[in-house]
N, C-alpha and C. Protein backbone atom coordinates (compact mmCIF):
# COMPACT_ATOMS: atom_id res chain seq x y z
N MET A 1 1.68 -45.83 15.04
CA MET A 1 1.57 -44.38 15.07
C MET A 1 2.91 -43.74 14.72
N ASN A 2 4.00 -44.24 15.32
CA ASN A 2 5.32 -43.70 15.02
C ASN A 2 5.68 -43.90 13.55
N GLY A 3 5.26 -45.05 13.01
CA GLY A 3 5.53 -45.31 11.60
C GLY A 3 4.82 -44.34 10.69
N MET A 4 3.56 -44.02 11.07
CA MET A 4 2.79 -43.08 10.27
C MET A 4 3.41 -41.69 10.32
N LYS A 5 3.88 -41.28 11.54
CA LYS A 5 4.54 -39.98 11.68
C LYS A 5 5.80 -39.93 10.82
N GLY A 6 6.53 -41.06 10.81
CA GLY A 6 7.74 -41.11 10.02
C GLY A 6 7.44 -40.95 8.54
N LEU A 7 6.37 -41.63 8.07
CA LEU A 7 6.00 -41.51 6.67
C LEU A 7 5.57 -40.09 6.34
N ALA A 8 4.83 -39.46 7.28
CA ALA A 8 4.38 -38.09 7.06
C ALA A 8 5.57 -37.15 6.94
N ALA A 9 6.55 -37.36 7.84
CA ALA A 9 7.74 -36.50 7.82
C ALA A 9 8.49 -36.64 6.51
N VAL A 10 8.59 -37.91 6.04
CA VAL A 10 9.26 -38.15 4.76
C VAL A 10 8.51 -37.46 3.63
N GLY A 11 7.15 -37.52 3.71
CA GLY A 11 6.34 -36.87 2.68
C GLY A 11 6.53 -35.37 2.65
N VAL A 12 6.54 -34.73 3.83
CA VAL A 12 6.76 -33.28 3.92
C VAL A 12 8.13 -32.92 3.35
N ALA A 13 9.14 -33.69 3.77
CA ALA A 13 10.50 -33.42 3.28
C ALA A 13 10.55 -33.52 1.76
N ALA A 14 9.84 -34.51 1.21
CA ALA A 14 9.84 -34.69 -0.24
C ALA A 14 9.19 -33.51 -0.94
N MET A 15 8.07 -33.01 -0.34
CA MET A 15 7.40 -31.87 -0.94
C MET A 15 8.26 -30.63 -0.91
N VAL A 16 8.95 -30.41 0.23
CA VAL A 16 9.84 -29.26 0.35
C VAL A 16 10.96 -29.35 -0.68
N ALA A 17 11.56 -30.54 -0.80
CA ALA A 17 12.63 -30.74 -1.77
C ALA A 17 12.13 -30.48 -3.18
N ALA A 18 10.91 -30.96 -3.48
CA ALA A 18 10.36 -30.76 -4.81
C ALA A 18 10.12 -29.28 -5.06
N GLY A 19 9.62 -28.58 -4.04
CA GLY A 19 9.38 -27.14 -4.18
C GLY A 19 10.66 -26.39 -4.45
N CYS A 20 11.72 -26.75 -3.73
CA CYS A 20 13.01 -26.09 -3.95
C CYS A 20 13.53 -26.38 -5.34
N ALA A 21 13.32 -27.61 -5.78
CA ALA A 21 13.83 -28.00 -7.09
C ALA A 21 13.14 -27.24 -8.21
N THR A 22 11.85 -26.86 -7.99
CA THR A 22 11.11 -26.19 -9.05
C THR A 22 11.04 -24.68 -8.85
N ALA A 23 11.65 -24.14 -7.79
CA ALA A 23 11.63 -22.70 -7.56
C ALA A 23 12.36 -21.99 -8.69
N PRO A 24 11.78 -20.85 -9.15
CA PRO A 24 12.44 -20.11 -10.22
C PRO A 24 13.86 -19.73 -9.81
N LYS A 25 14.77 -19.85 -10.76
CA LYS A 25 16.17 -19.59 -10.46
C LYS A 25 16.37 -18.19 -9.90
N GLY A 26 15.69 -17.19 -10.50
CA GLY A 26 15.83 -15.82 -10.04
C GLY A 26 15.38 -15.63 -8.61
N GLU A 27 14.27 -16.29 -8.24
CA GLU A 27 13.76 -16.16 -6.88
C GLU A 27 14.75 -16.70 -5.87
N ALA A 28 15.39 -17.81 -6.22
CA ALA A 28 16.33 -18.43 -5.29
C ALA A 28 17.56 -17.56 -5.10
N ALA A 29 17.97 -16.85 -6.16
CA ALA A 29 19.20 -16.06 -6.10
C ALA A 29 18.96 -14.65 -5.58
N ARG A 30 17.70 -14.21 -5.50
CA ARG A 30 17.39 -12.84 -5.12
C ARG A 30 17.53 -12.64 -3.62
N GLU A 31 18.06 -11.49 -3.23
CA GLU A 31 18.14 -11.14 -1.81
C GLU A 31 17.58 -9.75 -1.61
N CYS A 32 16.99 -9.53 -0.44
CA CYS A 32 16.38 -8.24 -0.15
C CYS A 32 17.40 -7.32 0.51
N LEU A 33 17.63 -6.17 -0.09
CA LEU A 33 18.56 -5.20 0.45
C LEU A 33 17.93 -4.42 1.60
N PHE A 34 16.61 -4.29 1.59
CA PHE A 34 15.86 -3.68 2.69
C PHE A 34 15.15 -4.79 3.45
N ASN A 35 15.45 -4.91 4.76
CA ASN A 35 14.94 -6.05 5.53
C ASN A 35 13.57 -5.82 6.14
N GLY A 36 12.99 -4.64 5.94
CA GLY A 36 11.66 -4.36 6.47
C GLY A 36 11.63 -3.98 7.94
N LYS A 37 12.81 -3.93 8.57
CA LYS A 37 12.86 -3.65 10.01
C LYS A 37 13.70 -2.42 10.35
N ASP A 38 14.82 -2.26 9.65
CA ASP A 38 15.72 -1.15 9.97
C ASP A 38 16.58 -0.83 8.75
N LEU A 39 17.56 0.04 8.94
CA LEU A 39 18.41 0.48 7.83
C LEU A 39 19.76 -0.22 7.82
N ASP A 40 19.79 -1.42 8.37
CA ASP A 40 21.02 -2.20 8.37
C ASP A 40 21.50 -2.44 6.93
N GLY A 41 22.79 -2.21 6.69
CA GLY A 41 23.35 -2.42 5.37
C GLY A 41 23.34 -1.18 4.49
N TRP A 42 22.80 -0.07 5.01
CA TRP A 42 22.70 1.16 4.24
C TRP A 42 23.49 2.29 4.89
N GLY A 43 24.05 3.15 4.07
CA GLY A 43 24.65 4.41 4.51
C GLY A 43 23.91 5.54 3.82
N ALA A 44 24.32 6.79 4.07
CA ALA A 44 23.60 7.92 3.49
C ALA A 44 24.52 9.10 3.24
N PHE A 45 24.12 9.94 2.29
CA PHE A 45 24.73 11.25 2.10
C PHE A 45 23.61 12.26 1.98
N LEU A 46 23.70 13.35 2.75
CA LEU A 46 22.73 14.44 2.69
C LEU A 46 23.48 15.75 2.54
N VAL A 47 22.91 16.69 1.79
CA VAL A 47 23.60 17.95 1.57
C VAL A 47 23.68 18.79 2.84
N ASP A 48 22.82 18.50 3.81
CA ASP A 48 22.89 19.17 5.11
C ASP A 48 23.65 18.27 6.08
N PRO A 49 24.91 18.57 6.38
CA PRO A 49 25.71 17.69 7.24
C PRO A 49 25.23 17.64 8.68
N ALA A 50 24.33 18.55 9.08
CA ALA A 50 23.81 18.54 10.44
C ALA A 50 22.76 17.45 10.65
N LEU A 51 22.27 16.89 9.56
CA LEU A 51 21.22 15.87 9.65
C LEU A 51 21.81 14.47 9.57
N LYS A 52 21.15 13.55 10.29
CA LYS A 52 21.51 12.14 10.23
C LYS A 52 20.60 11.43 9.23
N MET A 53 21.03 10.25 8.80
CA MET A 53 20.22 9.44 7.89
C MET A 53 18.80 9.27 8.43
N THR A 54 18.69 9.00 9.72
CA THR A 54 17.38 8.71 10.31
C THR A 54 16.50 9.96 10.44
N ASP A 55 17.05 11.14 10.19
CA ASP A 55 16.22 12.35 10.15
C ASP A 55 15.41 12.42 8.87
N VAL A 56 15.87 11.71 7.86
CA VAL A 56 15.22 11.75 6.54
C VAL A 56 14.60 10.41 6.17
N TRP A 57 15.27 9.33 6.56
CA TRP A 57 14.83 7.98 6.21
C TRP A 57 14.45 7.23 7.48
N SER A 58 13.31 6.54 7.45
CA SER A 58 12.85 5.79 8.61
C SER A 58 12.10 4.55 8.14
N VAL A 59 11.87 3.63 9.07
CA VAL A 59 11.11 2.42 8.78
C VAL A 59 9.84 2.45 9.62
N LYS A 60 8.68 2.41 8.96
CA LYS A 60 7.39 2.47 9.63
C LYS A 60 6.49 1.39 9.06
N ASP A 61 5.98 0.52 9.93
CA ASP A 61 5.07 -0.55 9.51
C ASP A 61 5.64 -1.36 8.36
N GLY A 62 6.93 -1.63 8.41
CA GLY A 62 7.57 -2.45 7.40
C GLY A 62 7.93 -1.72 6.11
N LEU A 63 7.68 -0.40 6.06
CA LEU A 63 7.98 0.38 4.87
C LEU A 63 9.18 1.27 5.10
N LEU A 64 9.97 1.46 4.06
CA LEU A 64 11.07 2.41 4.08
C LEU A 64 10.51 3.75 3.62
N VAL A 65 10.55 4.74 4.51
CA VAL A 65 9.91 6.03 4.26
C VAL A 65 10.97 7.12 4.12
N CYS A 66 10.89 7.88 3.04
CA CYS A 66 11.77 9.02 2.82
C CYS A 66 10.92 10.29 2.84
N ARG A 67 11.30 11.25 3.66
CA ARG A 67 10.49 12.47 3.74
C ARG A 67 10.71 13.39 2.55
N GLY A 68 11.78 13.17 1.75
CA GLY A 68 11.95 13.88 0.50
C GLY A 68 12.82 15.12 0.55
N GLU A 69 13.26 15.51 1.73
CA GLU A 69 14.15 16.66 1.83
C GLU A 69 15.03 16.52 3.06
N PRO A 70 16.27 17.01 3.00
CA PRO A 70 16.90 17.71 1.89
C PRO A 70 17.38 16.74 0.82
N LEU A 71 18.04 17.29 -0.19
CA LEU A 71 18.59 16.49 -1.28
C LEU A 71 19.66 15.53 -0.74
N GLY A 72 19.64 14.32 -1.24
CA GLY A 72 20.63 13.32 -0.85
C GLY A 72 20.15 11.94 -1.23
N TYR A 73 20.75 10.93 -0.62
CA TYR A 73 20.37 9.56 -0.98
C TYR A 73 20.89 8.60 0.09
N ILE A 74 20.24 7.44 0.18
CA ILE A 74 20.81 6.33 0.92
C ILE A 74 21.44 5.38 -0.08
N HIS A 75 22.41 4.61 0.38
CA HIS A 75 23.14 3.73 -0.54
C HIS A 75 23.52 2.44 0.17
N THR A 76 23.61 1.39 -0.60
CA THR A 76 24.09 0.12 -0.05
C THR A 76 25.55 0.27 0.34
N LYS A 77 25.95 -0.46 1.35
CA LYS A 77 27.36 -0.46 1.73
C LYS A 77 28.17 -1.37 0.80
N ARG A 78 27.47 -2.26 0.12
CA ARG A 78 28.11 -3.15 -0.85
C ARG A 78 28.04 -2.54 -2.24
N THR A 79 28.88 -3.02 -3.14
CA THR A 79 28.86 -2.58 -4.52
C THR A 79 28.44 -3.73 -5.44
N PHE A 80 27.86 -3.35 -6.57
CA PHE A 80 27.36 -4.31 -7.55
C PHE A 80 27.67 -3.78 -8.94
N THR A 81 27.86 -4.70 -9.89
CA THR A 81 28.10 -4.30 -11.27
C THR A 81 26.95 -4.75 -12.17
N ASN A 82 26.69 -6.04 -12.20
CA ASN A 82 25.63 -6.61 -13.04
C ASN A 82 24.55 -7.22 -12.14
N PHE A 83 23.29 -6.94 -12.47
CA PHE A 83 22.23 -7.40 -11.56
C PHE A 83 20.84 -7.20 -12.16
N ARG A 84 19.89 -7.86 -11.54
CA ARG A 84 18.47 -7.55 -11.71
C ARG A 84 17.99 -6.97 -10.39
N LEU A 85 17.29 -5.87 -10.46
CA LEU A 85 16.84 -5.17 -9.26
C LEU A 85 15.33 -4.98 -9.33
N ARG A 86 14.67 -5.24 -8.21
CA ARG A 86 13.22 -5.02 -8.12
C ARG A 86 12.96 -4.03 -6.99
N VAL A 87 12.30 -2.95 -7.33
CA VAL A 87 11.97 -1.90 -6.36
C VAL A 87 10.47 -1.63 -6.42
N GLU A 88 9.82 -1.68 -5.26
CA GLU A 88 8.39 -1.37 -5.19
C GLU A 88 8.22 -0.06 -4.43
N TRP A 89 7.52 0.90 -5.04
CA TRP A 89 7.41 2.23 -4.44
C TRP A 89 6.03 2.83 -4.64
N ARG A 90 5.74 3.82 -3.81
CA ARG A 90 4.54 4.64 -3.99
C ARG A 90 4.81 6.03 -3.41
N TRP A 91 4.08 7.01 -3.89
CA TRP A 91 4.07 8.32 -3.26
C TRP A 91 3.12 8.28 -2.07
N ALA A 92 3.42 9.03 -1.02
CA ALA A 92 2.62 8.98 0.20
C ALA A 92 1.15 9.22 -0.13
N PRO A 93 0.25 8.30 0.25
CA PRO A 93 -1.17 8.49 -0.03
C PRO A 93 -1.67 9.80 0.57
N GLY A 94 -2.37 10.58 -0.23
CA GLY A 94 -2.89 11.85 0.22
C GLY A 94 -1.89 12.98 0.15
N GLY A 95 -0.62 12.65 -0.15
CA GLY A 95 0.43 13.67 -0.25
C GLY A 95 0.64 14.09 -1.69
N LYS A 96 1.61 14.94 -1.89
CA LYS A 96 1.94 15.42 -3.23
C LYS A 96 3.05 14.57 -3.83
N ALA A 97 2.80 14.04 -5.02
CA ALA A 97 3.83 13.25 -5.70
C ALA A 97 5.00 14.16 -6.06
N GLY A 98 6.21 13.62 -5.96
CA GLY A 98 7.39 14.46 -6.17
C GLY A 98 8.43 13.81 -7.05
N ASN A 99 9.68 13.85 -6.58
CA ASN A 99 10.81 13.39 -7.37
C ASN A 99 11.67 12.45 -6.52
N SER A 100 12.25 11.48 -7.17
CA SER A 100 13.19 10.55 -6.53
C SER A 100 13.84 9.77 -7.65
N GLY A 101 14.66 8.81 -7.31
CA GLY A 101 15.28 8.00 -8.34
C GLY A 101 15.96 6.78 -7.75
N VAL A 102 16.16 5.76 -8.57
CA VAL A 102 16.94 4.59 -8.21
C VAL A 102 18.32 4.79 -8.82
N LEU A 103 19.34 4.84 -7.98
CA LEU A 103 20.69 5.16 -8.43
C LEU A 103 21.51 3.88 -8.55
N LEU A 104 22.19 3.72 -9.68
CA LEU A 104 22.92 2.49 -10.00
C LEU A 104 24.39 2.80 -10.22
N ARG A 105 25.25 1.87 -9.80
CA ARG A 105 26.70 1.99 -9.99
C ARG A 105 27.24 3.33 -9.48
N ILE A 106 26.81 3.74 -8.29
CA ILE A 106 27.29 4.98 -7.70
C ILE A 106 28.80 4.88 -7.47
N ASN A 107 29.53 5.89 -7.92
CA ASN A 107 30.98 5.89 -7.75
C ASN A 107 31.47 7.33 -7.67
N GLY A 108 32.69 7.51 -7.21
CA GLY A 108 33.24 8.86 -7.13
C GLY A 108 32.90 9.55 -5.83
N GLU A 109 33.12 10.85 -5.81
CA GLU A 109 32.93 11.65 -4.60
C GLU A 109 31.45 11.77 -4.24
N PRO A 110 31.09 11.50 -2.96
CA PRO A 110 29.69 11.68 -2.56
C PRO A 110 29.26 13.13 -2.72
N LYS A 111 28.07 13.34 -3.26
CA LYS A 111 27.51 14.69 -3.42
C LYS A 111 26.00 14.54 -3.54
N GLY A 112 25.29 15.67 -3.52
CA GLY A 112 23.82 15.60 -3.54
C GLY A 112 23.28 14.74 -4.65
N LEU A 113 23.83 14.89 -5.84
CA LEU A 113 23.51 14.02 -6.97
C LEU A 113 24.82 13.38 -7.39
N PRO A 114 25.06 12.12 -7.03
CA PRO A 114 26.38 11.52 -7.23
C PRO A 114 26.61 11.06 -8.67
N ARG A 115 27.84 10.71 -8.95
CA ARG A 115 28.17 10.12 -10.25
C ARG A 115 27.57 8.72 -10.29
N CYS A 116 26.64 8.52 -11.20
CA CYS A 116 25.90 7.25 -11.24
C CYS A 116 25.02 7.22 -12.48
N ILE A 117 24.34 6.11 -12.66
CA ILE A 117 23.23 6.01 -13.60
C ILE A 117 21.95 6.04 -12.79
N GLU A 118 20.98 6.81 -13.24
CA GLU A 118 19.70 6.89 -12.53
C GLU A 118 18.57 6.34 -13.38
N CYS A 119 17.74 5.49 -12.75
CA CYS A 119 16.44 5.16 -13.30
C CYS A 119 15.44 6.07 -12.58
N GLN A 120 14.87 6.99 -13.33
CA GLN A 120 14.05 8.05 -12.78
C GLN A 120 12.80 7.54 -12.06
N LEU A 121 12.45 8.21 -10.96
CA LEU A 121 11.20 7.94 -10.25
C LEU A 121 10.29 9.16 -10.20
N ARG A 122 10.72 10.27 -10.77
CA ARG A 122 9.88 11.47 -10.73
C ARG A 122 8.48 11.14 -11.24
N SER A 123 7.46 11.60 -10.50
CA SER A 123 6.09 11.27 -10.87
C SER A 123 5.80 11.70 -12.31
N GLY A 124 5.31 10.77 -13.10
CA GLY A 124 5.02 11.02 -14.50
C GLY A 124 6.17 10.74 -15.44
N ASP A 125 7.35 10.48 -14.88
CA ASP A 125 8.53 10.26 -15.73
C ASP A 125 9.31 9.01 -15.34
N ALA A 126 8.71 8.13 -14.53
CA ALA A 126 9.40 6.91 -14.14
C ALA A 126 9.77 6.10 -15.38
N GLY A 127 11.03 5.74 -15.48
CA GLY A 127 11.51 4.99 -16.63
C GLY A 127 12.57 5.73 -17.43
N ALA A 128 12.65 7.05 -17.28
CA ALA A 128 13.74 7.79 -17.93
C ALA A 128 15.07 7.35 -17.33
N ILE A 129 16.12 7.36 -18.12
CA ILE A 129 17.45 6.90 -17.68
C ILE A 129 18.45 8.04 -17.88
N TYR A 130 19.26 8.30 -16.85
CA TYR A 130 20.25 9.38 -16.93
C TYR A 130 21.61 8.92 -16.42
N GLY A 131 22.65 9.52 -16.96
CA GLY A 131 24.00 9.35 -16.44
C GLY A 131 24.51 10.70 -15.99
N PHE A 132 24.95 10.82 -14.73
CA PHE A 132 25.36 12.10 -14.17
C PHE A 132 26.88 12.20 -14.05
N HIS A 133 27.38 13.44 -14.13
CA HIS A 133 28.81 13.74 -13.94
C HIS A 133 29.71 12.90 -14.85
N GLY A 134 29.30 12.84 -16.13
CA GLY A 134 30.11 12.15 -17.12
C GLY A 134 29.88 10.66 -17.21
N MET A 135 28.99 10.11 -16.42
CA MET A 135 28.69 8.68 -16.48
C MET A 135 28.10 8.36 -17.85
N LYS A 136 28.66 7.39 -18.52
CA LYS A 136 28.28 7.11 -19.90
C LYS A 136 26.95 6.36 -19.98
N VAL A 137 26.08 6.87 -20.86
CA VAL A 137 24.78 6.26 -21.17
C VAL A 137 24.47 6.61 -22.62
N ALA A 138 23.92 5.68 -23.38
CA ALA A 138 23.53 5.96 -24.76
C ALA A 138 22.18 5.29 -25.02
N GLY A 139 21.59 5.62 -26.17
CA GLY A 139 20.31 5.03 -26.50
C GLY A 139 19.83 5.50 -27.85
N ALA A 140 18.57 5.21 -28.15
CA ALA A 140 17.99 5.57 -29.45
C ALA A 140 18.14 7.07 -29.69
N ALA A 141 18.53 7.43 -30.92
CA ALA A 141 18.82 8.82 -31.24
C ALA A 141 17.63 9.74 -31.00
N ASP A 142 16.41 9.26 -31.25
CA ASP A 142 15.23 10.12 -31.09
C ASP A 142 14.84 10.32 -29.63
N ARG A 143 15.47 9.59 -28.72
CA ARG A 143 15.17 9.75 -27.29
C ARG A 143 16.40 10.16 -26.48
N PHE A 144 17.53 10.30 -27.13
CA PHE A 144 18.77 10.62 -26.44
C PHE A 144 18.92 12.12 -26.25
N MET A 145 19.46 12.54 -25.11
CA MET A 145 19.71 13.95 -24.86
C MET A 145 20.98 14.09 -24.03
N GLU A 146 21.59 15.27 -24.10
CA GLU A 146 22.74 15.56 -23.25
C GLU A 146 22.82 17.05 -22.97
N LYS A 147 23.26 17.38 -21.77
CA LYS A 147 23.43 18.77 -21.37
C LYS A 147 24.32 18.80 -20.13
N THR A 148 24.71 20.00 -19.72
CA THR A 148 25.54 20.16 -18.54
C THR A 148 24.90 21.18 -17.62
N THR A 149 24.77 20.82 -16.34
CA THR A 149 24.24 21.74 -15.33
C THR A 149 25.11 21.63 -14.09
N PRO A 150 25.04 22.64 -13.19
CA PRO A 150 25.85 22.57 -11.97
C PRO A 150 25.56 21.34 -11.11
N ASN A 151 24.30 20.92 -11.04
CA ASN A 151 23.95 19.78 -10.18
C ASN A 151 24.26 18.43 -10.80
N THR A 152 24.07 18.33 -12.12
CA THR A 152 24.23 17.02 -12.79
C THR A 152 25.59 16.85 -13.44
N GLY A 153 26.35 17.95 -13.58
CA GLY A 153 27.57 17.88 -14.35
C GLY A 153 27.23 17.55 -15.80
N GLU A 154 28.16 16.90 -16.49
CA GLU A 154 27.89 16.45 -17.85
C GLU A 154 26.88 15.30 -17.79
N MET A 155 25.69 15.53 -18.31
CA MET A 155 24.59 14.57 -18.18
C MET A 155 24.17 14.04 -19.55
N ARG A 156 23.97 12.74 -19.61
CA ARG A 156 23.40 12.10 -20.78
C ARG A 156 22.13 11.39 -20.34
N GLY A 157 21.14 11.36 -21.23
CA GLY A 157 19.89 10.73 -20.84
C GLY A 157 19.17 10.08 -22.00
N VAL A 158 18.29 9.15 -21.66
CA VAL A 158 17.44 8.47 -22.64
C VAL A 158 16.00 8.58 -22.15
N LYS A 159 15.17 9.30 -22.88
CA LYS A 159 13.78 9.48 -22.48
C LYS A 159 13.04 8.15 -22.57
N LYS A 160 12.03 8.00 -21.71
CA LYS A 160 11.29 6.74 -21.69
C LYS A 160 10.51 6.54 -22.98
N ILE A 161 10.25 5.27 -23.30
CA ILE A 161 9.47 4.92 -24.48
C ILE A 161 8.01 5.27 -24.27
N GLU A 162 7.50 4.93 -23.10
CA GLU A 162 6.11 5.20 -22.72
C GLU A 162 5.99 5.11 -21.22
N GLY A 163 4.91 5.67 -20.68
CA GLY A 163 4.68 5.63 -19.25
C GLY A 163 3.85 4.42 -18.85
N ALA A 164 4.03 3.99 -17.60
CA ALA A 164 3.25 2.84 -17.11
C ALA A 164 2.99 2.96 -15.61
N GLU A 165 3.12 4.15 -15.04
CA GLU A 165 2.93 4.33 -13.60
C GLU A 165 1.45 4.25 -13.22
N ASN A 166 1.21 3.78 -12.01
CA ASN A 166 -0.12 3.87 -11.42
C ASN A 166 -0.32 5.25 -10.84
N ALA A 167 -1.55 5.55 -10.45
CA ALA A 167 -1.86 6.87 -9.89
C ALA A 167 -1.07 7.11 -8.61
N PRO A 168 -0.69 8.36 -8.33
CA PRO A 168 0.03 8.65 -7.09
C PRO A 168 -0.71 8.09 -5.88
N GLY A 169 0.06 7.48 -4.97
CA GLY A 169 -0.53 6.84 -3.80
C GLY A 169 -0.69 5.34 -3.96
N GLU A 170 -0.65 4.84 -5.21
CA GLU A 170 -0.74 3.41 -5.48
C GLU A 170 0.66 2.84 -5.66
N TRP A 171 0.79 1.53 -5.38
CA TRP A 171 2.09 0.87 -5.48
C TRP A 171 2.48 0.63 -6.93
N ASN A 172 3.77 0.75 -7.20
CA ASN A 172 4.36 0.47 -8.50
C ASN A 172 5.53 -0.49 -8.33
N VAL A 173 5.86 -1.19 -9.42
CA VAL A 173 6.99 -2.12 -9.42
C VAL A 173 7.97 -1.72 -10.52
N TYR A 174 9.21 -1.51 -10.13
CA TYR A 174 10.31 -1.25 -11.06
C TYR A 174 11.11 -2.55 -11.19
N GLU A 175 11.34 -3.00 -12.40
CA GLU A 175 12.23 -4.14 -12.66
C GLU A 175 13.35 -3.63 -13.56
N ILE A 176 14.55 -3.64 -13.03
CA ILE A 176 15.70 -3.06 -13.71
C ILE A 176 16.75 -4.15 -13.91
N GLU A 177 17.20 -4.31 -15.15
CA GLU A 177 18.29 -5.25 -15.43
C GLU A 177 19.45 -4.47 -16.03
N LEU A 178 20.62 -4.59 -15.41
CA LEU A 178 21.82 -3.91 -15.87
C LEU A 178 22.93 -4.94 -15.99
N VAL A 179 23.32 -5.21 -17.21
CA VAL A 179 24.38 -6.19 -17.49
C VAL A 179 25.34 -5.58 -18.49
N GLY A 180 26.60 -5.41 -18.07
CA GLY A 180 27.56 -4.76 -18.94
C GLY A 180 27.08 -3.36 -19.28
N GLY A 181 26.99 -3.07 -20.58
CA GLY A 181 26.52 -1.75 -21.01
C GLY A 181 25.05 -1.66 -21.29
N ALA A 182 24.30 -2.75 -21.08
CA ALA A 182 22.88 -2.78 -21.44
C ALA A 182 21.99 -2.65 -20.22
N LEU A 183 21.05 -1.73 -20.28
CA LEU A 183 20.10 -1.49 -19.18
C LEU A 183 18.68 -1.55 -19.73
N THR A 184 17.83 -2.33 -19.06
CA THR A 184 16.42 -2.41 -19.42
C THR A 184 15.58 -2.07 -18.20
N ALA A 185 14.55 -1.25 -18.39
CA ALA A 185 13.69 -0.85 -17.28
C ALA A 185 12.23 -1.18 -17.61
N LYS A 186 11.57 -1.84 -16.66
CA LYS A 186 10.15 -2.12 -16.76
C LYS A 186 9.44 -1.49 -15.58
N VAL A 187 8.26 -0.94 -15.83
CA VAL A 187 7.41 -0.41 -14.77
C VAL A 187 6.08 -1.13 -14.85
N ASN A 188 5.71 -1.76 -13.73
CA ASN A 188 4.45 -2.51 -13.64
C ASN A 188 4.31 -3.52 -14.78
N GLY A 189 5.43 -4.19 -15.08
CA GLY A 189 5.43 -5.27 -16.06
C GLY A 189 5.59 -4.83 -17.50
N LYS A 190 5.63 -3.52 -17.76
CA LYS A 190 5.74 -3.02 -19.12
C LYS A 190 7.14 -2.44 -19.36
N LYS A 191 7.76 -2.82 -20.47
CA LYS A 191 9.07 -2.27 -20.80
C LYS A 191 8.90 -0.80 -21.17
N VAL A 192 9.56 0.08 -20.40
CA VAL A 192 9.41 1.51 -20.62
C VAL A 192 10.67 2.18 -21.15
N ASN A 193 11.82 1.48 -21.08
CA ASN A 193 13.04 2.09 -21.58
C ASN A 193 14.15 1.06 -21.69
N GLU A 194 15.15 1.41 -22.48
CA GLU A 194 16.38 0.64 -22.57
C GLU A 194 17.51 1.58 -22.96
N ALA A 195 18.68 1.30 -22.44
CA ALA A 195 19.85 2.11 -22.75
C ALA A 195 21.00 1.18 -23.11
N THR A 196 21.95 1.71 -23.86
CA THR A 196 23.15 0.96 -24.24
C THR A 196 24.37 1.80 -23.88
N GLY A 197 25.52 1.23 -23.99
CA GLY A 197 26.74 1.98 -23.75
C GLY A 197 26.90 2.47 -22.33
N CYS A 198 26.23 1.83 -21.38
CA CYS A 198 26.34 2.25 -19.98
C CYS A 198 27.75 1.96 -19.47
N GLU A 199 28.30 2.89 -18.74
CA GLU A 199 29.65 2.71 -18.20
C GLU A 199 29.67 1.53 -17.23
N VAL A 200 30.62 0.64 -17.41
CA VAL A 200 30.71 -0.56 -16.59
C VAL A 200 31.70 -0.32 -15.45
N VAL A 201 31.18 -0.21 -14.25
CA VAL A 201 31.99 0.01 -13.07
C VAL A 201 31.20 -0.50 -11.87
N ALA A 202 31.88 -1.09 -10.90
CA ALA A 202 31.19 -1.52 -9.69
C ALA A 202 30.79 -0.29 -8.88
N GLY A 203 29.60 -0.31 -8.33
CA GLY A 203 29.14 0.83 -7.55
C GLY A 203 28.00 0.45 -6.63
N GLN A 204 27.67 1.37 -5.75
CA GLN A 204 26.57 1.16 -4.82
C GLN A 204 25.23 1.38 -5.51
N ILE A 205 24.19 0.88 -4.88
CA ILE A 205 22.82 1.13 -5.32
C ILE A 205 22.20 2.10 -4.32
N GLY A 206 21.49 3.09 -4.82
CA GLY A 206 20.94 4.10 -3.94
C GLY A 206 19.49 4.43 -4.24
N LEU A 207 18.85 5.07 -3.26
CA LEU A 207 17.50 5.60 -3.39
C LEU A 207 17.57 7.08 -3.03
N GLN A 208 16.93 7.90 -3.82
CA GLN A 208 17.14 9.33 -3.73
C GLN A 208 16.08 10.06 -2.91
N SER A 209 16.53 11.08 -2.18
CA SER A 209 15.67 12.06 -1.52
C SER A 209 15.73 13.33 -2.35
N GLU A 210 14.59 13.70 -2.98
CA GLU A 210 14.64 14.88 -3.87
C GLU A 210 13.29 15.57 -3.98
N GLY A 211 12.47 15.52 -2.95
CA GLY A 211 11.21 16.24 -3.01
C GLY A 211 10.01 15.32 -3.02
N GLY A 212 9.19 15.38 -1.98
CA GLY A 212 8.00 14.55 -1.89
C GLY A 212 8.23 13.30 -1.09
N GLU A 213 7.35 13.01 -0.16
CA GLU A 213 7.48 11.80 0.65
C GLU A 213 7.21 10.57 -0.22
N ILE A 214 8.14 9.63 -0.17
CA ILE A 214 8.03 8.42 -0.98
C ILE A 214 8.28 7.21 -0.09
N HIS A 215 7.56 6.12 -0.39
CA HIS A 215 7.64 4.88 0.39
C HIS A 215 8.18 3.76 -0.50
N PHE A 216 8.99 2.90 0.10
CA PHE A 216 9.49 1.70 -0.57
C PHE A 216 9.13 0.50 0.30
N ARG A 217 8.66 -0.58 -0.31
CA ARG A 217 8.38 -1.78 0.50
C ARG A 217 9.25 -2.96 0.12
N LYS A 218 9.86 -2.92 -1.06
CA LYS A 218 10.80 -3.97 -1.45
C LYS A 218 11.95 -3.38 -2.25
N VAL A 219 13.14 -3.79 -1.92
CA VAL A 219 14.32 -3.47 -2.70
C VAL A 219 15.13 -4.75 -2.74
N CYS A 220 15.00 -5.52 -3.81
CA CYS A 220 15.60 -6.85 -3.89
C CYS A 220 16.50 -6.95 -5.12
N ILE A 221 17.57 -7.68 -4.97
CA ILE A 221 18.56 -7.77 -6.05
C ILE A 221 18.94 -9.22 -6.33
N GLU A 222 19.20 -9.47 -7.59
CA GLU A 222 19.78 -10.76 -8.01
C GLU A 222 21.09 -10.44 -8.73
N PRO A 223 22.23 -10.59 -8.06
CA PRO A 223 23.51 -10.33 -8.72
C PRO A 223 23.69 -11.26 -9.92
N LEU A 224 24.30 -10.74 -10.97
CA LEU A 224 24.54 -11.51 -12.18
C LEU A 224 26.04 -11.48 -12.51
N PRO A 225 26.51 -12.47 -13.24
CA PRO A 225 27.94 -12.50 -13.61
C PRO A 225 28.31 -11.29 -14.47
């Protein structure tokens, strides 16, 4: 009996080792920035200094919930330069779809809309790419735009190639790869945009509060060289 148990244990160990050996490289290197339990590892900036992060952002049933107001964002306490990022989001079921964004390479003075590159989450426009407050972004001439506003500062943007969002209330998957000056964005498995000439600087990753209750269930990153 003991011999059989020993053989079984060896067999299980072998299967585990084999599974690890064949696990996709990206899966092994990926880590979840949101742990599904609390806001450990995150900080926040809100335009209303009387409010705390937890007044706007909370964790309910394993989901990261943003009530959408006031303007601001949560951000990782760590900084990243090159990475693959996976974000799963939905607008609150039964609620009104609104605006938000995935903020990349956040740097400079904290403000309602910080200096960063944004992968847009606004309903109907997920996949658009913007650089705020002089953050460099470039792209195809027929989709490139630039303007200056009080909130965005000097802004450059690249309109999405096509939309791929699910209906409001349904889950979506953002896959973002940012390496050097090249940024590629996929929504629900479809390539929706790409940008070039992105400013290369280490910065935080953020999620935006900008109107409309939005839920996140995964925020996972694979740092790249």
